[in-house]
Amino acid sequence: MNEQFLKNCLCTFTHTPLDPFHPTAETIRQEDIAHALSLVCRSNSHTSHFYSVAQHSLNCAAEALARGWGNRIALACLLHDASEAYIADIVRPVKHRLANYLEIESVLQSAIFAKFDLDDLSEQEFSKIRSIDDRILRYEFEQLIGIDLQNEDSELISLPDLSLRPFEDVETEFLNRLNALISQKE
């Protein structure tokens, strides 16, 4: 590898060079997303046990399906944090103070949604995704950190799986769910 490559690209799990500032559909691989997210711990590892971004995303997708919001919203929920496979998970209090991070995250997330034909999500659909993400986050805080955030959100319909699981199992489940939702997308 040359120095220019190392300076501009991330070498992914599948050995695909990805420029986080200029991602393309060809450089975004579902295997890279599933693998990396299954190894990234939520809440900057301030949880009672290892709980990955991939497992969180699976829980969000399951909640979308339980609410009857369809495969398209479930797929978007599964992929809503996929940019973190390439640029890590930054906790919310810090993330919102890092303007450049938010720009990079937006570029990556937009490319990922486009790769999976979700680049036309409406504001109403994004609102549904955010509501599930926020509600699952509150549940995670209650169960994995022991903090009750006194939410007024609707109750969860599904029961999120917060168990300690081998990352390989979560990675496989993420890929299987992704492929199933892609093939069944409305």
N, C-alpha and C. Protein backbone atom coordinates (compact mmCIF):
# COMPACT_ATOMS: atom_id res chain seq x y z
N MET A 1 0.84 -1.18 0.00
CA MET A 1 0.00 0.00 0.00
C MET A 1 0.88 1.24 0.00
N ASN A 2 0.46 2.19 -0.78
CA ASN A 2 1.24 3.41 -0.81
C ASN A 2 0.74 4.40 0.24
N GLU A 3 1.54 5.41 0.49
CA GLU A 3 1.22 6.38 1.53
C GLU A 3 -0.05 7.15 1.22
N GLN A 4 -0.30 7.46 -0.05
CA GLN A 4 -1.51 8.19 -0.43
C GLN A 4 -2.76 7.38 -0.10
N PHE A 5 -2.69 6.07 -0.35
CA PHE A 5 -3.81 5.19 -0.02
C PHE A 5 -4.06 5.23 1.48
N LEU A 6 -3.00 5.06 2.27
CA LEU A 6 -3.15 5.04 3.72
C LEU A 6 -3.65 6.38 4.26
N LYS A 7 -3.31 7.45 3.59
CA LYS A 7 -3.73 8.77 4.03
C LYS A 7 -5.20 9.04 3.73
N ASN A 8 -5.71 8.51 2.63
CA ASN A 8 -7.06 8.85 2.17
C ASN A 8 -8.12 7.76 2.34
N CYS A 9 -7.71 6.54 2.56
CA CYS A 9 -8.67 5.44 2.56
C CYS A 9 -8.58 4.58 3.82
N LEU A 10 -9.70 4.03 4.16
CA LEU A 10 -9.81 3.03 5.20
C LEU A 10 -9.78 1.69 4.50
N CYS A 11 -8.98 0.78 4.99
CA CYS A 11 -8.99 -0.57 4.43
C CYS A 11 -9.97 -1.38 5.27
N THR A 12 -11.04 -1.82 4.67
CA THR A 12 -12.13 -2.47 5.40
C THR A 12 -11.84 -3.95 5.64
N PHE A 13 -12.74 -4.58 6.37
CA PHE A 13 -12.66 -6.00 6.67
C PHE A 13 -12.53 -6.83 5.40
N THR A 14 -13.23 -6.45 4.33
CA THR A 14 -13.17 -7.18 3.06
C THR A 14 -12.02 -6.69 2.17
N HIS A 15 -11.14 -5.90 2.75
CA HIS A 15 -9.98 -5.33 2.06
C HIS A 15 -10.37 -4.37 0.94
N THR A 16 -11.49 -3.71 1.14
CA THR A 16 -11.98 -2.74 0.18
C THR A 16 -11.53 -1.35 0.63
N PRO A 17 -10.81 -0.63 -0.23
CA PRO A 17 -10.42 0.73 0.16
C PRO A 17 -11.63 1.67 0.08
N LEU A 18 -11.93 2.33 1.18
CA LEU A 18 -13.06 3.24 1.22
C LEU A 18 -12.58 4.61 1.67
N ASP A 19 -12.85 5.60 0.86
CA ASP A 19 -12.55 6.99 1.22
C ASP A 19 -13.78 7.52 1.94
N PRO A 20 -13.69 7.78 3.26
CA PRO A 20 -14.87 8.21 4.00
C PRO A 20 -15.44 9.55 3.54
N PHE A 21 -14.63 10.33 2.81
CA PHE A 21 -15.11 11.62 2.31
C PHE A 21 -15.76 11.49 0.94
N HIS A 22 -15.49 10.38 0.24
CA HIS A 22 -16.05 10.14 -1.10
C HIS A 22 -16.42 8.67 -1.26
N PRO A 23 -17.35 8.16 -0.44
CA PRO A 23 -17.73 6.76 -0.56
C PRO A 23 -18.53 6.52 -1.84
N THR A 24 -18.40 5.34 -2.37
CA THR A 24 -19.17 4.97 -3.56
C THR A 24 -19.93 3.67 -3.27
N ALA A 25 -20.91 3.39 -4.08
CA ALA A 25 -21.68 2.16 -3.91
C ALA A 25 -20.77 0.94 -4.00
N GLU A 26 -19.75 1.01 -4.82
CA GLU A 26 -18.83 -0.12 -5.00
C GLU A 26 -17.96 -0.36 -3.78
N THR A 27 -17.70 0.69 -2.99
CA THR A 27 -16.82 0.52 -1.84
C THR A 27 -17.59 0.26 -0.54
N ILE A 28 -18.90 0.35 -0.60
CA ILE A 28 -19.74 0.05 0.58
C ILE A 28 -20.18 -1.40 0.46
N ARG A 29 -19.77 -2.20 1.42
CA ARG A 29 -20.08 -3.63 1.40
C ARG A 29 -20.86 -4.02 2.65
N GLN A 30 -21.91 -4.77 2.46
CA GLN A 30 -22.73 -5.17 3.60
C GLN A 30 -21.93 -6.02 4.59
N GLU A 31 -20.97 -6.80 4.10
CA GLU A 31 -20.14 -7.61 5.00
C GLU A 31 -19.30 -6.72 5.91
N ASP A 32 -18.80 -5.61 5.37
CA ASP A 32 -18.01 -4.67 6.17
C ASP A 32 -18.88 -4.01 7.24
N ILE A 33 -20.08 -3.63 6.86
CA ILE A 33 -20.99 -2.98 7.80
C ILE A 33 -21.34 -3.95 8.93
N ALA A 34 -21.74 -5.16 8.59
CA ALA A 34 -22.14 -6.14 9.61
C ALA A 34 -20.98 -6.48 10.53
N HIS A 35 -19.81 -6.70 9.96
CA HIS A 35 -18.64 -7.07 10.77
C HIS A 35 -18.25 -5.95 11.71
N ALA A 36 -18.08 -4.76 11.18
CA ALA A 36 -17.62 -3.65 12.01
C ALA A 36 -18.63 -3.29 13.09
N LEU A 37 -19.91 -3.20 12.72
CA LEU A 37 -20.92 -2.82 13.72
C LEU A 37 -21.07 -3.87 14.81
N SER A 38 -20.79 -5.13 14.50
CA SER A 38 -20.89 -6.18 15.52
C SER A 38 -19.74 -6.10 16.52
N LEU A 39 -18.71 -5.34 16.18
CA LEU A 39 -17.55 -5.18 17.07
C LEU A 39 -17.48 -3.81 17.75
N VAL A 40 -18.40 -2.92 17.42
CA VAL A 40 -18.42 -1.58 18.02
C VAL A 40 -19.44 -1.59 19.16
N CYS A 41 -18.97 -1.25 20.36
CA CYS A 41 -19.85 -1.24 21.53
C CYS A 41 -20.61 0.07 21.62
N ARG A 42 -21.88 -0.02 21.98
CA ARG A 42 -22.72 1.16 22.18
C ARG A 42 -22.25 1.93 23.41
N SER A 43 -22.65 3.19 23.48
CA SER A 43 -22.42 4.06 24.64
C SER A 43 -20.95 4.15 25.05
N ASN A 44 -20.08 4.09 24.04
CA ASN A 44 -18.65 4.20 24.29
C ASN A 44 -18.19 3.18 25.34
N SER A 45 -18.84 2.01 25.33
CA SER A 45 -18.54 0.88 26.22
C SER A 45 -18.95 1.10 27.67
N HIS A 46 -19.76 2.10 27.95
CA HIS A 46 -20.23 2.34 29.31
C HIS A 46 -21.55 1.61 29.55
N THR A 47 -21.51 0.31 29.34
CA THR A 47 -22.67 -0.56 29.53
C THR A 47 -22.27 -1.69 30.47
N SER A 48 -23.26 -2.38 30.99
CA SER A 48 -22.98 -3.46 31.94
C SER A 48 -22.24 -4.63 31.29
N HIS A 49 -22.38 -4.77 29.99
CA HIS A 49 -21.66 -5.79 29.24
C HIS A 49 -21.58 -5.34 27.77
N PHE A 50 -20.80 -6.05 26.99
CA PHE A 50 -20.65 -5.68 25.59
C PHE A 50 -22.00 -5.79 24.88
N TYR A 51 -22.37 -4.72 24.23
CA TYR A 51 -23.62 -4.64 23.48
C TYR A 51 -23.32 -3.80 22.25
N SER A 52 -23.40 -4.40 21.09
CA SER A 52 -22.90 -3.76 19.88
C SER A 52 -23.91 -2.87 19.17
N VAL A 53 -23.39 -2.02 18.32
CA VAL A 53 -24.23 -1.18 17.46
C VAL A 53 -25.05 -2.07 16.53
N ALA A 54 -24.50 -3.18 16.08
CA ALA A 54 -25.25 -4.10 15.22
C ALA A 54 -26.45 -4.67 15.97
N GLN A 55 -26.26 -5.03 17.23
CA GLN A 55 -27.37 -5.58 18.02
C GLN A 55 -28.43 -4.50 18.24
N HIS A 56 -28.00 -3.27 18.51
CA HIS A 56 -28.93 -2.15 18.62
C HIS A 56 -29.73 -1.99 17.33
N SER A 57 -29.05 -2.05 16.21
CA SER A 57 -29.71 -1.87 14.91
C SER A 57 -30.70 -2.99 14.63
N LEU A 58 -30.35 -4.22 15.01
CA LEU A 58 -31.29 -5.33 14.88
C LEU A 58 -32.53 -5.09 15.73
N ASN A 59 -32.34 -4.57 16.93
CA ASN A 59 -33.48 -4.26 17.80
C ASN A 59 -34.36 -3.17 17.20
N CYS A 60 -33.74 -2.17 16.59
CA CYS A 60 -34.52 -1.10 15.95
C CYS A 60 -35.34 -1.64 14.79
N ALA A 61 -34.74 -2.50 13.98
CA ALA A 61 -35.46 -3.09 12.84
C ALA A 61 -36.61 -3.96 13.34
N ALA A 62 -36.38 -4.72 14.40
CA ALA A 62 -37.44 -5.57 14.96
C ALA A 62 -38.60 -4.72 15.48
N GLU A 63 -38.30 -3.58 16.09
CA GLU A 63 -39.36 -2.70 16.59
C GLU A 63 -40.16 -2.11 15.43
N ALA A 64 -39.50 -1.74 14.35
CA ALA A 64 -40.21 -1.21 13.18
C ALA A 64 -41.19 -2.25 12.63
N LEU A 65 -40.74 -3.49 12.55
CA LEU A 65 -41.62 -4.56 12.07
C LEU A 65 -42.76 -4.80 13.05
N ALA A 66 -42.47 -4.78 14.34
CA ALA A 66 -43.51 -5.00 15.36
C ALA A 66 -44.57 -3.91 15.30
N ARG A 67 -44.16 -2.70 14.94
CA ARG A 67 -45.12 -1.60 14.82
C ARG A 67 -45.89 -1.64 13.50
N GLY A 68 -45.53 -2.57 12.62
CA GLY A 68 -46.21 -2.69 11.34
C GLY A 68 -45.81 -1.62 10.34
N TRP A 69 -44.61 -1.08 10.50
CA TRP A 69 -44.16 0.00 9.63
C TRP A 69 -43.50 -0.49 8.35
N GLY A 70 -43.45 -1.77 8.13
CA GLY A 70 -43.00 -2.32 6.86
C GLY A 70 -41.50 -2.54 6.76
N ASN A 71 -41.16 -3.28 5.71
CA ASN A 71 -39.77 -3.67 5.49
C ASN A 71 -38.86 -2.50 5.13
N ARG A 72 -39.39 -1.51 4.45
CA ARG A 72 -38.57 -0.35 4.06
C ARG A 72 -38.09 0.40 5.31
N ILE A 73 -38.99 0.67 6.26
CA ILE A 73 -38.60 1.35 7.48
C ILE A 73 -37.69 0.44 8.31
N ALA A 74 -37.99 -0.85 8.35
CA ALA A 74 -37.15 -1.80 9.08
C ALA A 74 -35.73 -1.81 8.50
N LEU A 75 -35.62 -1.79 7.17
CA LEU A 75 -34.30 -1.76 6.54
C LEU A 75 -33.57 -0.47 6.90
N ALA A 76 -34.27 0.64 6.85
CA ALA A 76 -33.65 1.93 7.20
C ALA A 76 -33.23 1.92 8.67
N CYS A 77 -34.05 1.33 9.53
CA CYS A 77 -33.68 1.22 10.96
C CYS A 77 -32.43 0.35 11.13
N LEU A 78 -32.37 -0.75 10.39
CA LEU A 78 -31.20 -1.62 10.47
C LEU A 78 -29.93 -0.88 10.05
N LEU A 79 -30.07 0.01 9.09
CA LEU A 79 -28.89 0.71 8.54
C LEU A 79 -28.69 2.12 9.08
N HIS A 80 -29.52 2.57 10.02
CA HIS A 80 -29.48 3.97 10.45
C HIS A 80 -28.15 4.39 11.07
N ASP A 81 -27.39 3.46 11.62
CA ASP A 81 -26.07 3.77 12.19
C ASP A 81 -24.94 3.16 11.37
N ALA A 82 -25.21 2.76 10.15
CA ALA A 82 -24.21 2.05 9.35
C ALA A 82 -22.95 2.86 9.08
N SER A 83 -23.05 4.18 9.08
CA SER A 83 -21.84 5.00 8.88
C SER A 83 -20.82 4.74 9.98
N GLU A 84 -21.30 4.31 11.15
CA GLU A 84 -20.40 4.03 12.27
C GLU A 84 -19.49 2.83 12.01
N ALA A 85 -19.81 2.04 11.00
CA ALA A 85 -18.92 0.95 10.60
C ALA A 85 -17.61 1.50 10.03
N TYR A 86 -17.65 2.73 9.57
CA TYR A 86 -16.48 3.34 8.94
C TYR A 86 -15.86 4.46 9.77
N ILE A 87 -16.65 5.12 10.60
CA ILE A 87 -16.09 6.26 11.35
C ILE A 87 -16.36 6.18 12.85
N ALA A 88 -16.76 5.03 13.36
CA ALA A 88 -16.96 4.77 14.79
C ALA A 88 -18.22 5.40 15.33
N ASP A 89 -18.55 4.98 16.52
CA ASP A 89 -19.72 5.48 17.24
C ASP A 89 -19.24 6.56 18.20
N ILE A 90 -19.74 7.74 18.04
CA ILE A 90 -19.43 8.86 18.93
C ILE A 90 -20.68 9.11 19.76
N VAL A 91 -20.53 9.25 21.07
CA VAL A 91 -21.69 9.47 21.93
C VAL A 91 -22.36 10.80 21.58
N ARG A 92 -23.69 10.84 21.72
CA ARG A 92 -24.48 12.01 21.30
C ARG A 92 -24.00 13.34 21.85
N PRO A 93 -23.65 13.44 23.15
CA PRO A 93 -23.24 14.76 23.65
C PRO A 93 -22.01 15.32 22.93
N VAL A 94 -21.16 14.44 22.44
CA VAL A 94 -19.95 14.88 21.72
C VAL A 94 -20.26 15.04 20.24
N LYS A 95 -20.97 14.08 19.68
CA LYS A 95 -21.26 14.07 18.25
C LYS A 95 -21.85 15.39 17.77
N HIS A 96 -22.79 15.92 18.53
CA HIS A 96 -23.49 17.14 18.10
C HIS A 96 -22.65 18.40 18.25
N ARG A 97 -21.47 18.26 18.83
CA ARG A 97 -20.54 19.40 18.92
C ARG A 97 -19.39 19.28 17.93
N LEU A 98 -19.43 18.25 17.13
CA LEU A 98 -18.38 18.03 16.13
C LEU A 98 -18.96 18.25 14.74
N ALA A 99 -18.98 19.47 14.30
CA ALA A 99 -19.60 19.81 13.02
C ALA A 99 -19.00 18.99 11.87
N ASN A 100 -17.70 18.86 11.83
CA ASN A 100 -17.09 18.10 10.73
C ASN A 100 -17.48 16.63 10.79
N TYR A 101 -17.57 16.09 11.99
CA TYR A 101 -18.00 14.70 12.12
C TYR A 101 -19.40 14.53 11.55
N LEU A 102 -20.29 15.44 11.89
CA LEU A 102 -21.67 15.35 11.39
C LEU A 102 -21.72 15.43 9.87
N GLU A 103 -20.87 16.25 9.28
CA GLU A 103 -20.81 16.34 7.82
C GLU A 103 -20.32 15.03 7.21
N ILE A 104 -19.26 14.47 7.78
CA ILE A 104 -18.71 13.21 7.28
C ILE A 104 -19.73 12.10 7.46
N GLU A 105 -20.36 12.05 8.62
CA GLU A 105 -21.38 11.05 8.89
C GLU A 105 -22.53 11.16 7.88
N SER A 106 -22.93 12.37 7.59
CA SER A 106 -24.03 12.58 6.65
C SER A 106 -23.67 12.10 5.24
N VAL A 107 -22.46 12.38 4.80
CA VAL A 107 -22.01 11.92 3.48
C VAL A 107 -22.01 10.40 3.42
N LEU A 108 -21.45 9.78 4.45
CA LEU A 108 -21.40 8.31 4.48
C LEU A 108 -22.79 7.70 4.58
N GLN A 109 -23.61 8.23 5.48
CA GLN A 109 -24.94 7.67 5.66
C GLN A 109 -25.78 7.83 4.40
N SER A 110 -25.65 8.95 3.74
CA SER A 110 -26.37 9.16 2.47
C SER A 110 -25.93 8.16 1.41
N ALA A 111 -24.63 7.91 1.33
CA ALA A 111 -24.11 6.94 0.36
C ALA A 111 -24.60 5.53 0.69
N ILE A 112 -24.66 5.21 1.97
CA ILE A 112 -25.14 3.89 2.39
C ILE A 112 -26.62 3.74 2.07
N PHE A 113 -27.42 4.74 2.40
CA PHE A 113 -28.85 4.67 2.08
C PHE A 113 -29.03 4.56 0.56
N ALA A 114 -28.25 5.29 -0.22
CA ALA A 114 -28.36 5.20 -1.68
C ALA A 114 -28.01 3.80 -2.17
N LYS A 115 -26.96 3.22 -1.60
CA LYS A 115 -26.54 1.86 -1.98
C LYS A 115 -27.68 0.86 -1.82
N PHE A 116 -28.50 1.06 -0.78
CA PHE A 116 -29.59 0.13 -0.50
C PHE A 116 -30.96 0.69 -0.91
N ASP A 117 -30.95 1.61 -1.88
CA ASP A 117 -32.17 2.19 -2.45
C ASP A 117 -33.07 2.85 -1.41
N LEU A 118 -32.46 3.53 -0.46
CA LEU A 118 -33.20 4.26 0.56
C LEU A 118 -32.90 5.75 0.51
N ASP A 119 -32.40 6.22 -0.61
CA ASP A 119 -31.99 7.63 -0.72
C ASP A 119 -33.18 8.57 -0.88
N ASP A 120 -34.39 8.01 -0.96
CA ASP A 120 -35.58 8.86 -1.10
C ASP A 120 -36.46 8.81 0.15
N LEU A 121 -35.88 8.50 1.31
CA LEU A 121 -36.66 8.47 2.55
C LEU A 121 -37.27 9.85 2.80
N SER A 122 -38.54 9.85 3.16
CA SER A 122 -39.24 11.11 3.44
C SER A 122 -38.95 11.57 4.87
N GLU A 123 -39.30 12.80 5.16
CA GLU A 123 -39.14 13.31 6.52
C GLU A 123 -40.00 12.51 7.49
N GLN A 124 -41.17 12.09 7.06
CA GLN A 124 -42.03 11.27 7.90
C GLN A 124 -41.37 9.93 8.21
N GLU A 125 -40.72 9.33 7.22
CA GLU A 125 -40.01 8.07 7.46
C GLU A 125 -38.82 8.27 8.39
N PHE A 126 -38.07 9.36 8.20
CA PHE A 126 -36.95 9.66 9.10
C PHE A 126 -37.47 9.88 10.53
N SER A 127 -38.61 10.49 10.66
CA SER A 127 -39.20 10.71 11.99
C SER A 127 -39.50 9.38 12.67
N LYS A 128 -40.01 8.42 11.93
CA LYS A 128 -40.28 7.09 12.49
C LYS A 128 -38.97 6.41 12.92
N ILE A 129 -37.95 6.52 12.10
CA ILE A 129 -36.65 5.91 12.42
C ILE A 129 -36.08 6.54 13.69
N ARG A 130 -36.12 7.88 13.77
CA ARG A 130 -35.61 8.58 14.96
C ARG A 130 -36.39 8.20 16.20
N SER A 131 -37.72 8.06 16.07
CA SER A 131 -38.52 7.73 17.25
C SER A 131 -38.16 6.34 17.78
N ILE A 132 -37.95 5.39 16.89
CA ILE A 132 -37.54 4.05 17.33
C ILE A 132 -36.14 4.09 17.92
N ASP A 133 -35.22 4.76 17.26
CA ASP A 133 -33.85 4.86 17.76
C ASP A 133 -33.83 5.48 19.16
N ASP A 134 -34.58 6.55 19.35
CA ASP A 134 -34.62 7.21 20.67
C ASP A 134 -35.25 6.32 21.73
N ARG A 135 -36.30 5.61 21.37
CA ARG A 135 -36.98 4.77 22.36
C ARG A 135 -36.10 3.58 22.75
N ILE A 136 -35.44 2.97 21.76
CA ILE A 136 -34.53 1.86 22.06
C ILE A 136 -33.36 2.38 22.90
N LEU A 137 -32.85 3.56 22.58
CA LEU A 137 -31.76 4.16 23.37
C LEU A 137 -32.17 4.29 24.84
N ARG A 138 -33.36 4.79 25.08
CA ARG A 138 -33.84 4.95 26.46
C ARG A 138 -33.93 3.59 27.17
N TYR A 139 -34.41 2.59 26.46
CA TYR A 139 -34.50 1.25 27.03
C TYR A 139 -33.09 0.73 27.36
N GLU A 140 -32.15 0.95 26.46
CA GLU A 140 -30.77 0.52 26.70
C GLU A 140 -30.19 1.20 27.94
N PHE A 141 -30.43 2.51 28.08
CA PHE A 141 -29.96 3.23 29.27
C PHE A 141 -30.54 2.61 30.53
N GLU A 142 -31.84 2.32 30.50
CA GLU A 142 -32.49 1.74 31.68
C GLU A 142 -31.91 0.37 32.02
N GLN A 143 -31.76 -0.48 31.00
CA GLN A 143 -31.39 -1.87 31.24
C GLN A 143 -29.88 -2.11 31.32
N LEU A 144 -29.10 -1.38 30.55
CA LEU A 144 -27.65 -1.65 30.47
C LEU A 144 -26.80 -0.69 31.28
N ILE A 145 -27.36 0.43 31.65
CA ILE A 145 -26.59 1.43 32.39
C ILE A 145 -27.23 1.71 33.75
N GLY A 146 -28.53 1.45 33.86
CA GLY A 146 -29.23 1.66 35.11
C GLY A 146 -29.70 3.08 35.34
N ILE A 147 -29.94 3.79 34.25
CA ILE A 147 -30.42 5.17 34.34
C ILE A 147 -31.80 5.25 33.71
N ASP A 148 -32.78 5.72 34.48
CA ASP A 148 -34.13 5.92 33.96
C ASP A 148 -34.23 7.33 33.41
N LEU A 149 -34.44 7.45 32.12
CA LEU A 149 -34.46 8.76 31.47
C LEU A 149 -35.84 9.41 31.51
N GLN A 150 -36.77 8.83 32.27
CA GLN A 150 -38.08 9.45 32.45
C GLN A 150 -38.71 9.82 31.11
N ASN A 151 -38.82 8.84 30.23
CA ASN A 151 -39.33 9.15 28.89
C ASN A 151 -40.84 9.18 28.86
N GLU A 152 -41.33 9.91 27.91
CA GLU A 152 -42.77 9.99 27.66
C GLU A 152 -43.10 9.39 26.30
N ASP A 153 -42.13 8.67 25.74
CA ASP A 153 -42.33 8.04 24.44
C ASP A 153 -43.32 6.89 24.56
N SER A 154 -43.77 6.46 23.44
CA SER A 154 -44.63 5.27 23.43
C SER A 154 -43.82 4.07 23.91
N GLU A 155 -44.53 3.11 24.41
CA GLU A 155 -43.89 1.88 24.86
C GLU A 155 -43.37 1.09 23.67
N LEU A 156 -42.43 0.24 23.95
CA LEU A 156 -41.93 -0.65 22.91
C LEU A 156 -42.92 -1.78 22.69
N ILE A 157 -43.07 -2.18 21.47
CA ILE A 157 -43.93 -3.31 21.13
C ILE A 157 -43.12 -4.60 21.17
N SER A 158 -41.88 -4.51 20.70
CA SER A 158 -40.98 -5.66 20.73
C SER A 158 -40.23 -5.68 22.07
N LEU A 159 -39.55 -6.76 22.33
CA LEU A 159 -38.69 -6.85 23.50
C LEU A 159 -37.26 -6.90 22.99
N PRO A 160 -36.53 -5.78 23.07
CA PRO A 160 -35.17 -5.75 22.55
C PRO A 160 -34.28 -6.79 23.23
N ASP A 161 -33.43 -7.42 22.43
CA ASP A 161 -32.47 -8.40 22.94
C ASP A 161 -31.21 -7.65 23.36
N LEU A 162 -31.01 -7.53 24.65
CA LEU A 162 -29.83 -6.85 25.19
C LEU A 162 -28.83 -7.83 25.76
N SER A 163 -29.02 -9.10 25.49
CA SER A 163 -28.16 -10.13 26.07
C SER A 163 -26.74 -10.04 25.52
N LEU A 164 -25.83 -10.57 26.31
CA LEU A 164 -24.43 -10.67 25.87
C LEU A 164 -24.35 -11.79 24.85
N ARG A 165 -23.96 -11.43 23.64
CA ARG A 165 -23.92 -12.40 22.54
C ARG A 165 -22.57 -12.37 21.86
N PRO A 166 -22.11 -13.50 21.34
CA PRO A 166 -20.87 -13.48 20.56
C PRO A 166 -21.03 -12.59 19.33
N PHE A 167 -20.02 -11.79 19.06
CA PHE A 167 -20.13 -10.86 17.94
C PHE A 167 -20.39 -11.58 16.63
N GLU A 168 -19.85 -12.79 16.48
CA GLU A 168 -20.04 -13.53 15.23
C GLU A 168 -21.52 -13.85 15.00
N ASP A 169 -22.22 -14.17 16.08
CA ASP A 169 -23.66 -14.46 15.96
C ASP A 169 -24.44 -13.21 15.55
N VAL A 170 -24.08 -12.09 16.15
CA VAL A 170 -24.75 -10.83 15.83
C VAL A 170 -24.44 -10.43 14.39
N GLU A 171 -23.20 -10.60 13.98
CA GLU A 171 -22.79 -10.29 12.61
C GLU A 171 -23.60 -11.12 11.61
N THR A 172 -23.72 -12.41 11.87
CA THR A 172 -24.48 -13.29 10.98
C THR A 172 -25.95 -12.91 10.95
N GLU A 173 -26.52 -12.64 12.11
CA GLU A 173 -27.93 -12.24 12.16
C GLU A 173 -28.15 -10.93 11.41
N PHE A 174 -27.23 -9.99 11.58
CA PHE A 174 -27.33 -8.70 10.88
C PHE A 174 -27.34 -8.94 9.37
N LEU A 175 -26.40 -9.72 8.87
CA LEU A 175 -26.35 -10.00 7.42
C LEU A 175 -27.61 -10.71 6.94
N ASN A 176 -28.08 -11.68 7.70
CA ASN A 176 -29.29 -12.40 7.31
C ASN A 176 -30.49 -11.47 7.28
N ARG A 177 -30.63 -10.64 8.29
CA ARG A 177 -31.76 -9.70 8.33
C ARG A 177 -31.64 -8.69 7.19
N LEU A 178 -30.45 -8.21 6.94
CA LEU A 178 -30.23 -7.25 5.85
C LEU A 178 -30.65 -7.87 4.52
N ASN A 179 -30.18 -9.06 4.26
CA ASN A 179 -30.53 -9.72 2.98
C ASN A 179 -32.01 -10.00 2.88
N ALA A 180 -32.64 -10.40 3.97
CA ALA A 180 -34.08 -10.66 3.95
C ALA A 180 -34.86 -9.37 3.68
N LEU A 181 -34.47 -8.29 4.34
CA LEU A 181 -35.19 -7.02 4.14
C LEU A 181 -34.96 -6.46 2.75
N ILE A 182 -33.77 -6.64 2.21
CA ILE A 182 -33.51 -6.18 0.84
C ILE A 182 -34.41 -6.93 -0.14
N SER A 183 -34.53 -8.23 0.04
CA SER A 183 -35.31 -9.02 -0.90
C SER A 183 -36.82 -8.80 -0.74
N GLN A 184 -37.25 -8.30 0.43
CA GLN A 184 -38.68 -8.11 0.69
C GLN A 184 -39.09 -6.65 0.71
N LYS A 185 -38.17 -5.75 0.40
CA LYS A 185 -38.46 -4.32 0.52
C LYS A 185 -39.64 -3.94 -0.36
N GLU A 186 -40.53 -3.13 0.20
CA GLU A 186 -41.73 -2.70 -0.53
C GLU A 186 -41.36 -1.67 -1.59
